[in-house]
Amino acid sequence: MLDAMIANPGCKQMQTAALSALLSLCSQDKDAQSDAPSWNASSVTLQCMKNHASAKDICGNACGLLWTLALDSQRRSNILTSGGITTTLGVMKTDLSSRPLQRKACGLLTALTCDGKGLDVMRAHKMQHKVVGDVINILSNLALYSEDDSITITTF
């Protein structure tokens, strides 16, 4: 699937289908998750997000896949060093009204910053990009209006 994504970077239908299949596979199969670094999944997925930043289905599936992969510390580090936060923030600002995209992107950002390593990147973007403020507002709204009382927001 990754080879097809690399060979056909402009084919939105193929990118969407491949990312959806990879997300499903990695969500359900721990062996697939552990093999993901050897497939170079994070860099191919981030490049796909950059190539199709305005395609919310592609970016939503990409964020979901990266979120799943980022639960592992080594893969999280690979995503961070490959520009995962910057790419995710860029995608988020293309369609602030897409709830599925924003939810998956926020999940990915949460996973990327869970051990504190990605917070410096977020801090740097806070002053440079309005989207970080938008992300904070989205998270605040989720905390305020969610039926789930376990959601809390802290500042950094």
N, C-alpha and C. Protein backbone atom coordinates (compact mmCIF):
# COMPACT_ATOMS: atom_id res chain seq x y z
N MET A 1 0.81 -1.19 0.00
CA MET A 1 0.00 0.00 0.00
C MET A 1 0.86 1.26 0.00
N LEU A 2 1.92 1.24 0.82
CA LEU A 2 2.80 2.41 0.86
C LEU A 2 3.51 2.61 -0.47
N ASP A 3 3.90 1.51 -1.12
CA ASP A 3 4.54 1.63 -2.43
C ASP A 3 3.59 2.28 -3.43
N ALA A 4 2.33 1.90 -3.38
CA ALA A 4 1.33 2.49 -4.27
C ALA A 4 1.13 3.97 -3.96
N MET A 5 1.16 4.33 -2.68
CA MET A 5 1.03 5.73 -2.29
C MET A 5 2.21 6.55 -2.83
N ILE A 6 3.40 5.98 -2.73
CA ILE A 6 4.61 6.67 -3.20
C ILE A 6 4.58 6.80 -4.73
N ALA A 7 4.16 5.74 -5.40
CA ALA A 7 4.16 5.74 -6.87
C ALA A 7 3.07 6.64 -7.46
N ASN A 8 1.99 6.88 -6.70
CA ASN A 8 0.85 7.65 -7.20
C ASN A 8 0.46 8.77 -6.24
N PRO A 9 1.36 9.70 -5.96
CA PRO A 9 1.07 10.71 -4.94
C PRO A 9 -0.09 11.64 -5.27
N GLY A 10 -0.44 11.78 -6.53
CA GLY A 10 -1.52 12.69 -6.91
C GLY A 10 -2.90 12.05 -6.98
N CYS A 11 -2.98 10.74 -6.84
CA CYS A 11 -4.27 10.04 -6.95
C CYS A 11 -4.98 10.04 -5.60
N LYS A 12 -5.90 10.97 -5.44
CA LYS A 12 -6.59 11.13 -4.16
C LYS A 12 -7.37 9.88 -3.76
N GLN A 13 -8.04 9.26 -4.71
CA GLN A 13 -8.84 8.07 -4.40
C GLN A 13 -7.95 6.95 -3.86
N MET A 14 -6.80 6.73 -4.48
CA MET A 14 -5.90 5.69 -4.02
C MET A 14 -5.30 6.04 -2.66
N GLN A 15 -4.93 7.31 -2.47
CA GLN A 15 -4.37 7.74 -1.18
C GLN A 15 -5.38 7.52 -0.06
N THR A 16 -6.64 7.90 -0.32
CA THR A 16 -7.69 7.74 0.68
C THR A 16 -7.89 6.27 1.03
N ALA A 17 -7.98 5.43 0.02
CA ALA A 17 -8.20 4.00 0.25
C ALA A 17 -7.02 3.36 0.98
N ALA A 18 -5.81 3.71 0.57
CA ALA A 18 -4.62 3.12 1.22
C ALA A 18 -4.53 3.55 2.68
N LEU A 19 -4.75 4.83 2.94
CA LEU A 19 -4.68 5.30 4.33
C LEU A 19 -5.77 4.67 5.19
N SER A 20 -6.95 4.54 4.63
CA SER A 20 -8.05 3.90 5.36
C SER A 20 -7.71 2.46 5.70
N ALA A 21 -7.15 1.74 4.73
CA ALA A 21 -6.77 0.34 4.97
C ALA A 21 -5.65 0.24 6.00
N LEU A 22 -4.64 1.10 5.89
CA LEU A 22 -3.54 1.09 6.86
C LEU A 22 -4.03 1.44 8.26
N LEU A 23 -4.93 2.42 8.35
CA LEU A 23 -5.49 2.80 9.65
C LEU A 23 -6.24 1.61 10.26
N SER A 24 -7.06 0.96 9.46
CA SER A 24 -7.81 -0.19 9.94
C SER A 24 -6.87 -1.31 10.38
N LEU A 25 -5.87 -1.59 9.57
CA LEU A 25 -4.90 -2.64 9.87
C LEU A 25 -4.16 -2.34 11.18
N CYS A 26 -3.63 -1.14 11.31
CA CYS A 26 -2.84 -0.79 12.49
C CYS A 26 -3.70 -0.66 13.74
N SER A 27 -4.96 -0.31 13.57
CA SER A 27 -5.85 -0.18 14.73
C SER A 27 -6.21 -1.54 15.30
N GLN A 28 -6.18 -2.56 14.45
CA GLN A 28 -6.64 -3.87 14.89
C GLN A 28 -5.53 -4.90 15.06
N ASP A 29 -4.35 -4.63 14.53
CA ASP A 29 -3.29 -5.64 14.50
C ASP A 29 -2.01 -5.09 15.13
N LYS A 30 -1.69 -5.54 16.33
CA LYS A 30 -0.49 -5.07 17.03
C LYS A 30 0.79 -5.43 16.27
N ASP A 31 0.79 -6.55 15.55
CA ASP A 31 1.97 -6.90 14.76
C ASP A 31 2.19 -5.88 13.64
N ALA A 32 1.11 -5.43 13.03
CA ALA A 32 1.23 -4.41 11.98
C ALA A 32 1.78 -3.12 12.57
N GLN A 33 1.35 -2.77 13.78
CA GLN A 33 1.87 -1.57 14.43
C GLN A 33 3.36 -1.70 14.66
N SER A 34 3.80 -2.84 15.12
CA SER A 34 5.22 -3.00 15.42
C SER A 34 6.07 -3.03 14.15
N ASP A 35 5.49 -3.44 13.02
CA ASP A 35 6.21 -3.44 11.75
C ASP A 35 6.20 -2.08 11.06
N ALA A 36 5.34 -1.17 11.50
CA ALA A 36 5.15 0.11 10.82
C ALA A 36 6.44 0.91 10.62
N PRO A 37 7.36 0.96 11.60
CA PRO A 37 8.58 1.74 11.35
C PRO A 37 9.39 1.20 10.17
N SER A 38 9.40 -0.11 9.99
CA SER A 38 10.16 -0.68 8.88
C SER A 38 9.50 -0.37 7.54
N TRP A 39 8.21 -0.04 7.54
CA TRP A 39 7.57 0.34 6.28
C TRP A 39 7.77 1.81 5.98
N ASN A 40 8.28 2.58 6.92
CA ASN A 40 8.43 4.02 6.74
C ASN A 40 7.07 4.70 6.64
N ALA A 41 6.10 4.16 7.36
CA ALA A 41 4.71 4.63 7.27
C ALA A 41 4.55 6.09 7.67
N SER A 42 5.27 6.51 8.70
CA SER A 42 5.04 7.88 9.17
C SER A 42 5.50 8.92 8.16
N SER A 43 6.65 8.73 7.54
CA SER A 43 7.12 9.73 6.57
C SER A 43 6.26 9.74 5.30
N VAL A 44 5.83 8.58 4.85
CA VAL A 44 4.96 8.52 3.67
C VAL A 44 3.62 9.18 3.98
N THR A 45 3.10 8.94 5.17
CA THR A 45 1.82 9.51 5.58
C THR A 45 1.92 11.02 5.73
N LEU A 46 2.99 11.51 6.33
CA LEU A 46 3.17 12.96 6.46
C LEU A 46 3.31 13.63 5.10
N GLN A 47 4.02 13.00 4.17
CA GLN A 47 4.14 13.56 2.83
C GLN A 47 2.78 13.60 2.13
N CYS A 48 1.99 12.57 2.33
CA CYS A 48 0.65 12.53 1.77
C CYS A 48 -0.20 13.68 2.32
N MET A 49 -0.07 13.94 3.63
CA MET A 49 -0.80 15.06 4.23
C MET A 49 -0.38 16.39 3.61
N LYS A 50 0.91 16.55 3.37
CA LYS A 50 1.41 17.78 2.75
C LYS A 50 0.90 17.92 1.32
N ASN A 51 0.89 16.82 0.59
CA ASN A 51 0.45 16.84 -0.81
C ASN A 51 -1.05 17.11 -0.94
N HIS A 52 -1.81 16.72 0.07
CA HIS A 52 -3.27 16.81 -0.01
C HIS A 52 -3.84 17.54 1.21
N ALA A 53 -3.22 18.63 1.59
CA ALA A 53 -3.58 19.34 2.82
C ALA A 53 -5.04 19.79 2.86
N SER A 54 -5.65 20.01 1.71
CA SER A 54 -7.04 20.47 1.71
C SER A 54 -8.05 19.33 1.56
N ALA A 55 -7.59 18.10 1.47
CA ALA A 55 -8.48 16.94 1.33
C ALA A 55 -8.75 16.35 2.71
N LYS A 56 -9.89 16.71 3.29
CA LYS A 56 -10.14 16.34 4.68
C LYS A 56 -10.25 14.83 4.91
N ASP A 57 -10.72 14.05 3.92
CA ASP A 57 -10.78 12.60 4.10
C ASP A 57 -9.38 12.00 4.17
N ILE A 58 -8.51 12.44 3.26
CA ILE A 58 -7.13 11.95 3.27
C ILE A 58 -6.44 12.35 4.57
N CYS A 59 -6.55 13.62 4.93
CA CYS A 59 -5.87 14.10 6.13
C CYS A 59 -6.44 13.50 7.40
N GLY A 60 -7.75 13.28 7.42
CA GLY A 60 -8.36 12.63 8.58
C GLY A 60 -7.84 11.22 8.77
N ASN A 61 -7.79 10.45 7.67
CA ASN A 61 -7.24 9.09 7.76
C ASN A 61 -5.76 9.11 8.12
N ALA A 62 -5.03 10.08 7.56
CA ALA A 62 -3.60 10.19 7.87
C ALA A 62 -3.40 10.52 9.35
N CYS A 63 -4.17 11.46 9.87
CA CYS A 63 -4.05 11.80 11.30
C CYS A 63 -4.41 10.60 12.17
N GLY A 64 -5.45 9.87 11.78
CA GLY A 64 -5.84 8.68 12.54
C GLY A 64 -4.74 7.63 12.55
N LEU A 65 -4.13 7.41 11.39
CA LEU A 65 -3.03 6.43 11.31
C LEU A 65 -1.85 6.89 12.16
N LEU A 66 -1.45 8.14 12.01
CA LEU A 66 -0.32 8.65 12.80
C LEU A 66 -0.63 8.64 14.29
N TRP A 67 -1.86 8.94 14.66
CA TRP A 67 -2.27 8.90 16.07
C TRP A 67 -2.05 7.49 16.62
N THR A 68 -2.49 6.48 15.86
CA THR A 68 -2.31 5.09 16.28
C THR A 68 -0.82 4.76 16.41
N LEU A 69 -0.04 5.18 15.43
CA LEU A 69 1.39 4.88 15.46
C LEU A 69 2.10 5.64 16.58
N ALA A 70 1.64 6.86 16.88
CA ALA A 70 2.30 7.71 17.88
C ALA A 70 2.11 7.21 19.31
N LEU A 71 1.32 6.19 19.51
CA LEU A 71 1.15 5.64 20.85
C LEU A 71 2.41 4.93 21.33
N ASP A 72 3.29 4.59 20.39
CA ASP A 72 4.58 3.98 20.69
C ASP A 72 5.64 5.09 20.73
N SER A 73 6.48 5.11 21.75
CA SER A 73 7.42 6.21 21.94
C SER A 73 8.42 6.37 20.79
N GLN A 74 8.93 5.27 20.24
CA GLN A 74 9.88 5.36 19.13
C GLN A 74 9.22 5.93 17.88
N ARG A 75 8.03 5.43 17.57
CA ARG A 75 7.32 5.94 16.39
C ARG A 75 6.91 7.40 16.62
N ARG A 76 6.54 7.73 17.85
CA ARG A 76 6.19 9.12 18.18
C ARG A 76 7.38 10.04 17.92
N SER A 77 8.55 9.61 18.33
CA SER A 77 9.77 10.38 18.10
C SER A 77 10.03 10.55 16.60
N ASN A 78 9.82 9.48 15.83
CA ASN A 78 10.01 9.57 14.37
C ASN A 78 9.03 10.56 13.75
N ILE A 79 7.80 10.55 14.20
CA ILE A 79 6.79 11.47 13.67
C ILE A 79 7.15 12.91 14.04
N LEU A 80 7.60 13.11 15.27
CA LEU A 80 8.00 14.45 15.71
C LEU A 80 9.16 14.98 14.89
N THR A 81 10.19 14.16 14.69
CA THR A 81 11.36 14.63 13.96
C THR A 81 11.09 14.80 12.46
N SER A 82 10.02 14.19 11.98
CA SER A 82 9.63 14.34 10.57
C SER A 82 8.68 15.51 10.35
N GLY A 83 8.45 16.30 11.39
CA GLY A 83 7.58 17.47 11.24
C GLY A 83 6.11 17.21 11.47
N GLY A 84 5.80 16.22 12.26
CA GLY A 84 4.40 15.84 12.49
C GLY A 84 3.53 16.94 13.06
N ILE A 85 4.04 17.70 14.00
CA ILE A 85 3.23 18.76 14.60
C ILE A 85 2.97 19.87 13.59
N THR A 86 4.00 20.32 12.92
CA THR A 86 3.85 21.39 11.93
C THR A 86 2.88 20.99 10.82
N THR A 87 3.03 19.78 10.32
CA THR A 87 2.15 19.30 9.26
C THR A 87 0.71 19.20 9.76
N THR A 88 0.52 18.68 10.96
CA THR A 88 -0.83 18.53 11.52
C THR A 88 -1.48 19.88 11.72
N LEU A 89 -0.75 20.83 12.26
CA LEU A 89 -1.31 22.17 12.46
C LEU A 89 -1.69 22.81 11.12
N GLY A 90 -0.88 22.59 10.11
CA GLY A 90 -1.19 23.13 8.79
C GLY A 90 -2.46 22.54 8.22
N VAL A 91 -2.65 21.25 8.41
CA VAL A 91 -3.85 20.57 7.92
C VAL A 91 -5.08 21.05 8.70
N MET A 92 -4.93 21.22 9.99
CA MET A 92 -6.08 21.63 10.82
C MET A 92 -6.65 22.97 10.38
N LYS A 93 -5.80 23.88 9.98
CA LYS A 93 -6.31 25.20 9.64
C LYS A 93 -6.98 25.24 8.27
N THR A 94 -6.85 24.18 7.48
CA THR A 94 -7.50 24.18 6.17
C THR A 94 -9.00 23.98 6.27
N ASP A 95 -9.48 23.32 7.32
CA ASP A 95 -10.93 23.10 7.48
C ASP A 95 -11.28 22.95 8.95
N LEU A 96 -11.45 24.08 9.61
CA LEU A 96 -11.77 24.07 11.04
C LEU A 96 -13.17 23.54 11.33
N SER A 97 -14.01 23.43 10.32
CA SER A 97 -15.39 22.97 10.54
C SER A 97 -15.54 21.45 10.42
N SER A 98 -14.50 20.76 10.00
CA SER A 98 -14.58 19.30 9.84
C SER A 98 -14.31 18.63 11.18
N ARG A 99 -15.37 18.24 11.84
CA ARG A 99 -15.23 17.64 13.18
C ARG A 99 -14.39 16.35 13.16
N PRO A 100 -14.61 15.43 12.20
CA PRO A 100 -13.78 14.21 12.20
C PRO A 100 -12.30 14.51 12.02
N LEU A 101 -11.98 15.43 11.13
CA LEU A 101 -10.58 15.80 10.91
C LEU A 101 -10.00 16.44 12.17
N GLN A 102 -10.71 17.38 12.74
CA GLN A 102 -10.22 18.08 13.93
C GLN A 102 -10.04 17.11 15.10
N ARG A 103 -10.97 16.16 15.24
CA ARG A 103 -10.88 15.19 16.35
C ARG A 103 -9.63 14.32 16.19
N LYS A 104 -9.41 13.82 14.99
CA LYS A 104 -8.23 12.97 14.76
C LYS A 104 -6.94 13.77 14.87
N ALA A 105 -6.96 15.00 14.37
CA ALA A 105 -5.76 15.84 14.46
C ALA A 105 -5.45 16.18 15.92
N CYS A 106 -6.48 16.50 16.68
CA CYS A 106 -6.26 16.78 18.12
C CYS A 106 -5.76 15.54 18.85
N GLY A 107 -6.28 14.38 18.47
CA GLY A 107 -5.79 13.13 19.06
C GLY A 107 -4.32 12.91 18.75
N LEU A 108 -3.96 13.20 17.50
CA LEU A 108 -2.55 13.06 17.11
C LEU A 108 -1.68 14.05 17.87
N LEU A 109 -2.10 15.30 17.98
CA LEU A 109 -1.32 16.29 18.72
C LEU A 109 -1.18 15.90 20.19
N THR A 110 -2.25 15.36 20.75
CA THR A 110 -2.21 14.89 22.14
C THR A 110 -1.17 13.78 22.30
N ALA A 111 -1.20 12.82 21.37
CA ALA A 111 -0.23 11.71 21.43
C ALA A 111 1.20 12.21 21.24
N LEU A 112 1.38 13.18 20.34
CA LEU A 112 2.73 13.69 20.07
C LEU A 112 3.30 14.50 21.22
N THR A 113 2.45 15.03 22.07
CA THR A 113 2.92 15.86 23.18
C THR A 113 2.77 15.17 24.54
N CYS A 114 2.38 13.91 24.56
CA CYS A 114 2.06 13.24 25.82
C CYS A 114 3.26 13.09 26.75
N ASP A 115 4.46 13.04 26.21
CA ASP A 115 5.64 12.90 27.06
C ASP A 115 6.42 14.21 27.18
N GLY A 116 5.84 15.29 26.70
CA GLY A 116 6.46 16.60 26.82
C GLY A 116 7.42 16.97 25.70
N LYS A 117 7.82 16.00 24.88
CA LYS A 117 8.82 16.28 23.84
C LYS A 117 8.29 17.20 22.74
N GLY A 118 7.02 17.11 22.42
CA GLY A 118 6.48 17.93 21.36
C GLY A 118 6.02 19.30 21.81
N LEU A 119 6.05 19.55 23.12
CA LEU A 119 5.54 20.83 23.63
C LEU A 119 6.37 22.02 23.17
N ASP A 120 7.68 21.85 23.03
CA ASP A 120 8.51 22.96 22.55
C ASP A 120 8.11 23.37 21.14
N VAL A 121 7.78 22.40 20.30
CA VAL A 121 7.33 22.71 18.94
C VAL A 121 6.00 23.46 19.00
N MET A 122 5.10 23.00 19.86
CA MET A 122 3.80 23.68 20.00
C MET A 122 4.01 25.10 20.51
N ARG A 123 4.90 25.29 21.47
CA ARG A 123 5.17 26.63 21.99
C ARG A 123 5.71 27.55 20.89
N ALA A 124 6.60 27.02 20.06
CA ALA A 124 7.17 27.82 18.97
C ALA A 124 6.07 28.23 17.99
N HIS A 125 5.14 27.34 17.73
CA HIS A 125 4.06 27.65 16.80
C HIS A 125 3.02 28.58 17.41
N LYS A 126 2.94 28.60 18.71
CA LYS A 126 1.92 29.41 19.38
C LYS A 126 2.05 30.88 18.97
N MET A 127 3.24 31.36 18.84
CA MET A 127 3.46 32.75 18.48
C MET A 127 3.43 32.96 16.96
N GLN A 128 3.67 31.91 16.20
CA GLN A 128 3.80 32.07 14.75
C GLN A 128 2.52 31.79 13.98
N HIS A 129 1.66 30.98 14.50
CA HIS A 129 0.50 30.56 13.72
C HIS A 129 -0.78 30.70 14.52
N LYS A 130 -1.75 31.32 13.93
CA LYS A 130 -3.05 31.47 14.55
C LYS A 130 -3.69 30.11 14.84
N VAL A 131 -3.35 29.10 14.06
CA VAL A 131 -3.99 27.81 14.21
C VAL A 131 -3.76 27.20 15.59
N VAL A 132 -2.63 27.48 16.23
CA VAL A 132 -2.41 26.94 17.57
C VAL A 132 -3.43 27.52 18.53
N GLY A 133 -3.71 28.81 18.39
CA GLY A 133 -4.78 29.40 19.19
C GLY A 133 -6.10 28.74 18.89
N ASP A 134 -6.35 28.45 17.61
CA ASP A 134 -7.58 27.76 17.23
C ASP A 134 -7.64 26.37 17.85
N VAL A 135 -6.50 25.68 17.87
CA VAL A 135 -6.45 24.35 18.49
C VAL A 135 -6.80 24.45 19.97
N ILE A 136 -6.22 25.42 20.63
CA ILE A 136 -6.51 25.61 22.06
C ILE A 136 -7.99 25.90 22.25
N ASN A 137 -8.56 26.73 21.37
CA ASN A 137 -9.99 27.01 21.45
C ASN A 137 -10.83 25.76 21.21
N ILE A 138 -10.43 24.96 20.22
CA ILE A 138 -11.16 23.71 19.95
C ILE A 138 -11.12 22.80 21.17
N LEU A 139 -9.94 22.64 21.74
CA LEU A 139 -9.82 21.78 22.92
C LEU A 139 -10.61 22.34 24.09
N SER A 140 -10.60 23.65 24.24
CA SER A 140 -11.39 24.27 25.31
C SER A 140 -12.87 24.01 25.10
N ASN A 141 -13.32 24.15 23.84
CA ASN A 141 -14.73 23.88 23.55
C ASN A 141 -15.08 22.42 23.81
N LEU A 142 -14.17 21.53 23.45
CA LEU A 142 -14.41 20.11 23.73
C LEU A 142 -14.57 19.88 25.23
N ALA A 143 -13.71 20.51 26.00
CA ALA A 143 -13.78 20.34 27.45
C ALA A 143 -15.06 20.96 28.02
N LEU A 144 -15.43 22.11 27.50
CA LEU A 144 -16.61 22.80 28.02
C LEU A 144 -17.92 22.13 27.64
N TYR A 145 -18.01 21.67 26.40
CA TYR A 145 -19.29 21.20 25.89
C TYR A 145 -19.40 19.70 25.73
N SER A 146 -18.41 18.98 26.14
CA SER A 146 -18.44 17.54 26.04
C SER A 146 -19.28 16.96 27.17
N GLU A 147 -19.93 15.85 26.86
CA GLU A 147 -20.67 15.14 27.90
C GLU A 147 -19.74 14.29 28.75
N ASP A 148 -18.48 14.20 28.34
CA ASP A 148 -17.48 13.43 29.05
C ASP A 148 -16.78 14.34 30.05
N ASP A 149 -17.02 14.15 31.33
CA ASP A 149 -16.46 15.02 32.37
C ASP A 149 -14.97 14.79 32.58
N SER A 150 -14.39 13.79 31.94
CA SER A 150 -12.98 13.52 32.16
C SER A 150 -12.07 14.42 31.33
N ILE A 151 -12.61 15.20 30.42
CA ILE A 151 -11.80 16.08 29.57
C ILE A 151 -11.48 17.36 30.33
N THR A 152 -10.19 17.63 30.49
CA THR A 152 -9.76 18.87 31.14
C THR A 152 -8.67 19.50 30.29
N ILE A 153 -8.54 20.79 30.41
CA ILE A 153 -7.53 21.54 29.65
C ILE A 153 -6.56 22.19 30.63
N THR A 154 -5.29 22.04 30.34
CA THR A 154 -4.27 22.77 31.10
C THR A 154 -3.49 23.62 30.12
N THR A 155 -2.94 24.70 30.57
CA THR A 155 -2.16 25.56 29.69
C THR A 155 -0.70 25.15 29.73
N PHE A 156 0.04 25.55 28.72
CA PHE A 156 1.47 25.21 28.72
C PHE A 156 2.27 26.44 28.55
